[in-house]
Protein backbone atom coordinates (compact mmCIF):
# COMPACT_ATOMS: atom_id res chain seq x y z
CA PHE A 1 -28.78 -86.77 66.42
CA SER A 2 -31.28 -85.64 63.82
CA ASP A 3 -31.93 -82.60 61.63
CA LEU A 4 -28.53 -80.98 62.09
CA HIS A 5 -29.05 -78.57 59.14
CA VAL A 6 -25.42 -77.49 59.05
CA THR A 7 -24.94 -74.41 56.89
CA ALA A 8 -21.98 -72.92 55.06
CA GLY A 9 -23.04 -69.41 56.10
CA ALA A 10 -24.13 -67.97 59.42
CA ARG A 11 -27.86 -68.76 59.28
CA ASN A 12 -30.40 -70.85 57.39
CA ASP A 13 -33.52 -69.70 55.54
CA PHE A 14 -35.46 -69.54 58.84
CA GLY A 15 -32.87 -67.11 60.24
CA VAL A 16 -31.54 -69.77 62.62
CA GLU A 17 -27.87 -70.22 63.47
CA THR A 18 -27.78 -74.03 63.46
CA ILE A 19 -24.12 -74.73 64.24
CA GLY A 20 -24.29 -73.67 67.89
CA GLY A 21 -26.96 -76.22 68.75
CA LEU A 22 -24.98 -79.05 67.21
CA GLU A 23 -21.85 -77.98 69.07
CA ARG A 24 -23.80 -77.95 72.35
CA CYS A 25 -25.11 -81.48 71.67
CA ILE A 26 -21.61 -82.71 70.81
CA ARG A 27 -20.19 -81.24 74.03
CA HIS A 28 -23.01 -82.76 76.10
CA LEU A 29 -22.50 -86.16 74.48
CA GLY A 30 -18.78 -85.99 75.17
CA ALA A 31 -19.35 -85.23 78.86
CA LEU A 32 -21.62 -88.23 79.54
CA ASP A 33 -20.45 -90.58 82.29
CA ARG A 34 -20.72 -93.48 79.86
CA PRO A 35 -20.15 -92.78 76.15
CA PRO A 36 -22.59 -94.36 73.68
CA ASP A 37 -21.55 -97.35 71.61
CA LEU A 38 -22.75 -95.64 68.42
CA LEU A 39 -23.96 -92.24 67.24
CA VAL A 40 -26.49 -92.25 64.40
CA ALA A 41 -27.06 -88.95 62.59
CA SER A 42 -30.45 -89.60 61.03
CA GLY A 43 -30.78 -87.16 58.19
CA ASP A 44 -30.96 -83.51 57.20
CA LEU A 45 -27.30 -83.45 58.02
CA VAL A 46 -26.90 -80.17 56.14
CA ASP A 47 -29.29 -77.50 54.96
CA LEU A 48 -28.88 -77.30 51.17
CA GLY A 49 -26.95 -80.43 50.25
CA LEU A 50 -23.82 -78.44 49.32
CA THR A 51 -20.27 -79.82 49.34
CA GLU A 52 -19.05 -76.95 51.53
CA GLU A 53 -21.78 -77.71 54.08
CA TYR A 54 -20.69 -81.35 54.31
CA ALA A 55 -17.09 -80.20 54.72
CA ARG A 56 -18.15 -78.05 57.67
CA LEU A 57 -20.18 -80.94 59.09
CA ARG A 58 -17.11 -83.19 58.88
CA GLU A 59 -15.09 -80.63 60.84
CA LEU A 60 -17.75 -80.41 63.54
CA LEU A 61 -18.19 -84.18 63.87
CA ALA A 62 -14.44 -84.64 64.23
CA ALA A 63 -15.02 -83.77 67.90
CA VAL A 64 -17.21 -86.87 68.36
CA ALA A 65 -15.19 -89.64 69.99
CA VAL A 66 -17.65 -92.52 69.45
CA PRO A 67 -18.35 -94.55 66.28
CA LEU A 68 -20.50 -92.58 63.86
CA CYS A 69 -23.09 -93.59 61.24
CA LEU A 70 -24.58 -91.11 58.79
CA MET A 71 -27.95 -91.21 57.05
CA PRO A 72 -29.54 -88.84 54.51
CA GLY A 73 -32.68 -86.73 54.90
CA ASN A 74 -34.66 -84.71 52.38
CA HIS A 75 -32.24 -81.75 52.66
CA ASP A 76 -29.28 -84.00 51.81
CA ARG A 77 -27.76 -84.99 48.47
CA ARG A 78 -26.10 -88.36 48.21
CA ALA A 79 -23.24 -87.48 45.82
CA PRO A 80 -21.64 -84.67 47.87
CA LEU A 81 -22.28 -86.58 51.10
CA ARG A 82 -20.36 -89.57 49.75
CA GLN A 83 -17.65 -87.33 48.33
CA VAL A 84 -16.90 -85.53 51.59
CA PHE A 85 -17.31 -88.61 53.81
CA ALA A 86 -15.43 -90.93 51.45
CA GLY A 87 -14.09 -92.98 54.36
CA HIS A 88 -17.61 -94.09 55.30
CA ASP A 89 -17.67 -97.13 53.02
CA TYR A 90 -21.03 -98.32 54.35
CA LEU A 91 -22.73 -95.48 52.41
CA GLY A 92 -22.21 -97.60 49.29
CA GLY A 93 -23.91 -96.77 45.98
CA GLY A 94 -27.55 -95.97 45.27
CA ARG A 95 -29.73 -95.62 48.33
CA MET A 96 -27.82 -95.66 51.62
CA HIS A 97 -29.05 -98.60 53.67
CA TYR A 98 -26.91 -100.73 55.97
CA HIS A 99 -26.82 -102.35 59.39
CA ARG A 100 -24.48 -102.52 62.36
CA ASP A 101 -24.60 -105.06 65.18
CA VAL A 102 -23.84 -103.45 68.54
CA ARG A 103 -23.89 -105.35 71.85
CA GLY A 104 -26.39 -107.91 70.59
CA LEU A 105 -28.63 -105.26 69.02
CA ARG A 106 -29.06 -104.93 65.24
CA VAL A 107 -29.06 -101.25 64.21
CA ILE A 108 -30.58 -100.84 60.74
CA ALA A 109 -30.50 -97.66 58.64
CA LEU A 110 -32.91 -97.07 55.74
CA ASP A 111 -32.81 -94.36 53.09
CA THR A 112 -36.20 -92.66 52.59
CA VAL A 113 -34.93 -89.78 50.45
CA ILE A 114 -36.42 -88.80 47.09
CA GLU A 115 -33.86 -86.26 45.94
CA GLY A 116 -35.45 -82.93 45.07
CA GLN A 117 -38.61 -83.64 47.10
CA ASP A 118 -39.52 -83.06 50.74
CA GLY A 119 -41.51 -86.27 51.20
CA GLY A 120 -39.99 -89.74 51.31
CA ASP A 121 -40.48 -93.36 50.36
CA LEU A 122 -38.86 -96.79 50.51
CA ASP A 123 -38.19 -98.68 47.29
CA GLU A 124 -38.83 -102.40 46.91
CA PRO A 125 -35.11 -103.41 46.91
CA GLN A 126 -34.69 -101.79 50.34
CA LEU A 127 -37.79 -103.45 51.73
CA ARG A 128 -36.65 -106.85 50.46
CA TRP A 129 -33.20 -106.22 51.93
CA LEU A 130 -34.77 -105.25 55.27
CA ASP A 131 -36.92 -108.38 55.31
CA GLY A 132 -33.81 -110.47 54.69
CA VAL A 133 -31.67 -108.73 57.32
CA LEU A 134 -34.38 -109.22 59.94
CA GLY A 135 -35.18 -112.76 58.83
CA GLY A 136 -31.51 -113.74 58.94
CA GLU A 137 -31.29 -113.08 62.71
CA PRO A 138 -34.81 -113.50 64.09
CA ALA A 139 -33.60 -113.75 67.68
CA MET A 140 -31.58 -110.51 67.55
CA PRO A 141 -33.47 -107.40 68.74
CA ALA A 142 -33.42 -104.63 66.14
CA LEU A 143 -33.82 -100.88 65.81
CA ILE A 144 -34.77 -99.31 62.47
CA PHE A 145 -33.55 -95.76 61.80
CA MET A 146 -34.84 -93.62 58.93
CA HIS A 147 -35.53 -89.94 58.34
CA HIS A 148 -39.25 -89.71 57.45
CA PRO A 149 -41.84 -90.99 59.96
CA PRO A 150 -44.14 -93.72 58.58
CA ALA A 151 -47.17 -92.50 60.57
CA ALA A 152 -49.05 -89.22 60.98
CA THR A 153 -48.02 -87.07 63.94
CA GLY A 154 -50.92 -84.59 63.82
CA PHE A 155 -48.51 -81.84 62.75
CA SER A 156 -50.19 -81.42 59.38
CA ARG A 157 -47.45 -79.38 57.66
CA MET A 158 -44.97 -82.20 58.27
CA ASP A 159 -47.47 -85.02 57.78
CA ARG A 160 -47.96 -83.75 54.20
CA ILE A 161 -44.27 -84.38 53.53
CA ALA A 162 -43.83 -87.58 55.52
CA MET A 163 -43.37 -91.06 54.08
CA ALA A 164 -45.60 -92.04 51.16
CA PRO A 165 -48.56 -94.09 52.46
CA GLY A 166 -47.81 -97.08 50.22
CA SER A 167 -44.23 -97.28 51.48
CA ALA A 168 -45.39 -96.93 55.06
CA GLU A 169 -47.88 -99.77 54.61
CA ARG A 170 -45.28 -102.09 53.10
CA LEU A 171 -42.76 -101.22 55.81
CA GLY A 172 -45.41 -101.85 58.45
CA ALA A 173 -46.03 -105.33 57.05
CA VAL A 174 -42.30 -106.12 57.36
CA VAL A 175 -42.17 -104.81 60.93
CA GLU A 176 -45.19 -106.89 61.91
CA ARG A 177 -43.56 -110.03 60.46
CA HIS A 178 -40.50 -109.49 62.65
CA PRO A 179 -41.45 -108.88 66.29
CA GLN A 180 -37.77 -108.45 67.24
CA VAL A 181 -38.06 -104.87 65.93
CA LYS A 182 -38.15 -102.89 69.15
CA ALA A 183 -38.39 -99.40 67.68
CA VAL A 184 -38.63 -97.35 64.49
CA LEU A 185 -36.61 -94.18 65.03
CA CYS A 186 -37.04 -91.11 62.82
CA GLY A 187 -36.44 -87.37 62.52
CA HIS A 188 -37.79 -84.79 60.05
CA VAL A 189 -40.47 -83.25 62.29
CA HIS A 190 -38.17 -81.10 64.48
CA ARG A 191 -40.07 -82.18 67.57
CA GLY A 192 -39.97 -85.15 69.93
CA VAL A 193 -42.91 -87.45 69.17
CA GLN A 194 -43.67 -90.91 70.59
CA GLY A 195 -46.22 -93.52 69.56
CA LEU A 196 -46.95 -97.19 69.07
CA TRP A 197 -46.82 -98.32 65.45
CA ARG A 198 -47.24 -101.85 64.12
CA GLY A 199 -46.30 -103.31 67.50
CA ALA A 200 -43.10 -101.28 67.88
CA LEU A 201 -42.19 -97.97 69.47
CA LEU A 202 -42.23 -95.09 66.98
CA SER A 203 -39.98 -92.31 68.23
CA VAL A 204 -39.22 -89.07 66.42
CA CYS A 205 -36.01 -87.37 67.52
CA PRO A 206 -36.01 -83.59 67.94
CA SER A 207 -33.43 -81.44 66.17
CA THR A 208 -29.95 -80.44 67.24
CA ALA A 209 -30.47 -77.20 65.27
CA PHE A 210 -33.94 -75.89 66.19
CA GLN A 211 -37.40 -77.14 67.10
CA ALA A 212 -40.60 -76.33 65.22
CA LYS A 213 -43.49 -74.55 66.90
CA LEU A 214 -46.11 -77.10 67.90
CA ARG A 215 -49.10 -76.69 65.61
CA LEU A 216 -51.45 -79.66 65.56
CA GLY A 217 -53.74 -79.40 62.58
CA ALA A 218 -53.37 -76.54 60.12
CA GLY A 219 -50.46 -74.15 60.30
CA ARG A 220 -47.16 -73.39 58.67
CA PHE A 221 -43.76 -74.69 59.75
CA GLU A 222 -42.02 -72.11 61.92
CA ALA A 223 -38.91 -72.32 64.07
CA ASP A 224 -39.38 -71.95 67.84
CA LEU A 225 -36.28 -70.16 69.07
CA ASN A 226 -37.35 -70.60 72.70
CA GLU A 227 -36.91 -74.38 72.62
CA ALA A 228 -33.49 -75.88 73.19
CA PRO A 229 -31.48 -78.12 70.84
CA ALA A 230 -31.97 -81.77 71.69
CA TYR A 231 -31.01 -85.34 70.87
CA GLN A 232 -32.00 -88.83 71.99
CA LEU A 233 -30.15 -91.48 73.97
CA HIS A 234 -31.38 -95.06 73.51
CA HIS A 235 -30.48 -97.39 76.38
CA TRP A 236 -30.63 -101.13 75.71
CA ASP A 237 -29.87 -103.44 78.65
CA GLY A 238 -30.30 -106.70 76.74
CA ARG A 239 -34.00 -106.95 77.54
CA ALA A 240 -35.64 -103.53 77.37
CA LEU A 241 -35.23 -100.33 75.41
CA VAL A 242 -35.52 -96.97 77.17
CA THR A 243 -35.23 -93.68 75.27
CA HIS A 244 -34.14 -90.42 76.85
CA THR A 245 -34.75 -87.11 75.09
CA VAL A 246 -31.89 -84.83 76.09
CA THR A 247 -32.24 -81.06 75.83
CA VAL A 248 -29.11 -78.94 75.98
């Protein structure tokens, strides 16, 4: 799941009721023939970073019956997120980066958030940590999750608030050093986007709340209320990764 934008009120600043889309995605996930091994919620969990929004998010996610990992996006605030989800010890202190090993696949979460800003970056401690986590198990295939894409999508409004170029370059060097990285999986754009980046799949997950109108080149960010909420399912069979974008 990505870009949930859970609100405390009825609608967000774009006039969108975001809760219904998340509930539809949760119901669809729960009805799958085979439940996932892990659900990653990859940022913009709530809309304004408020404690009451995280409390509502916790209530909604209580319906999810599979293991859950949370990550922050630019709309999130670390302190209230940690406060409300106090049982999620992996969120730690400082920037929220961690990894989980699932069925022979290393799932890595990075924290690209600069609190108070829309764009993102990766600090040197995280990049060194990532290099070490990948270097420690070079034979284990890995997925890297983070909120901000490290490459331009052509959607200029979102490309202006993507990952800082220097951070993207340094991350790319790490990914190239470790060919076991199968994919870099992001959110932020509110559209499904696929590409090849530094030898790995780059996949941007659409939003459970609302999609953005497709405007390549100039144009403002605007919600498209005709497009359905969506999420991604990543299928790993031990040899190959296949990603399904699921609209609900």
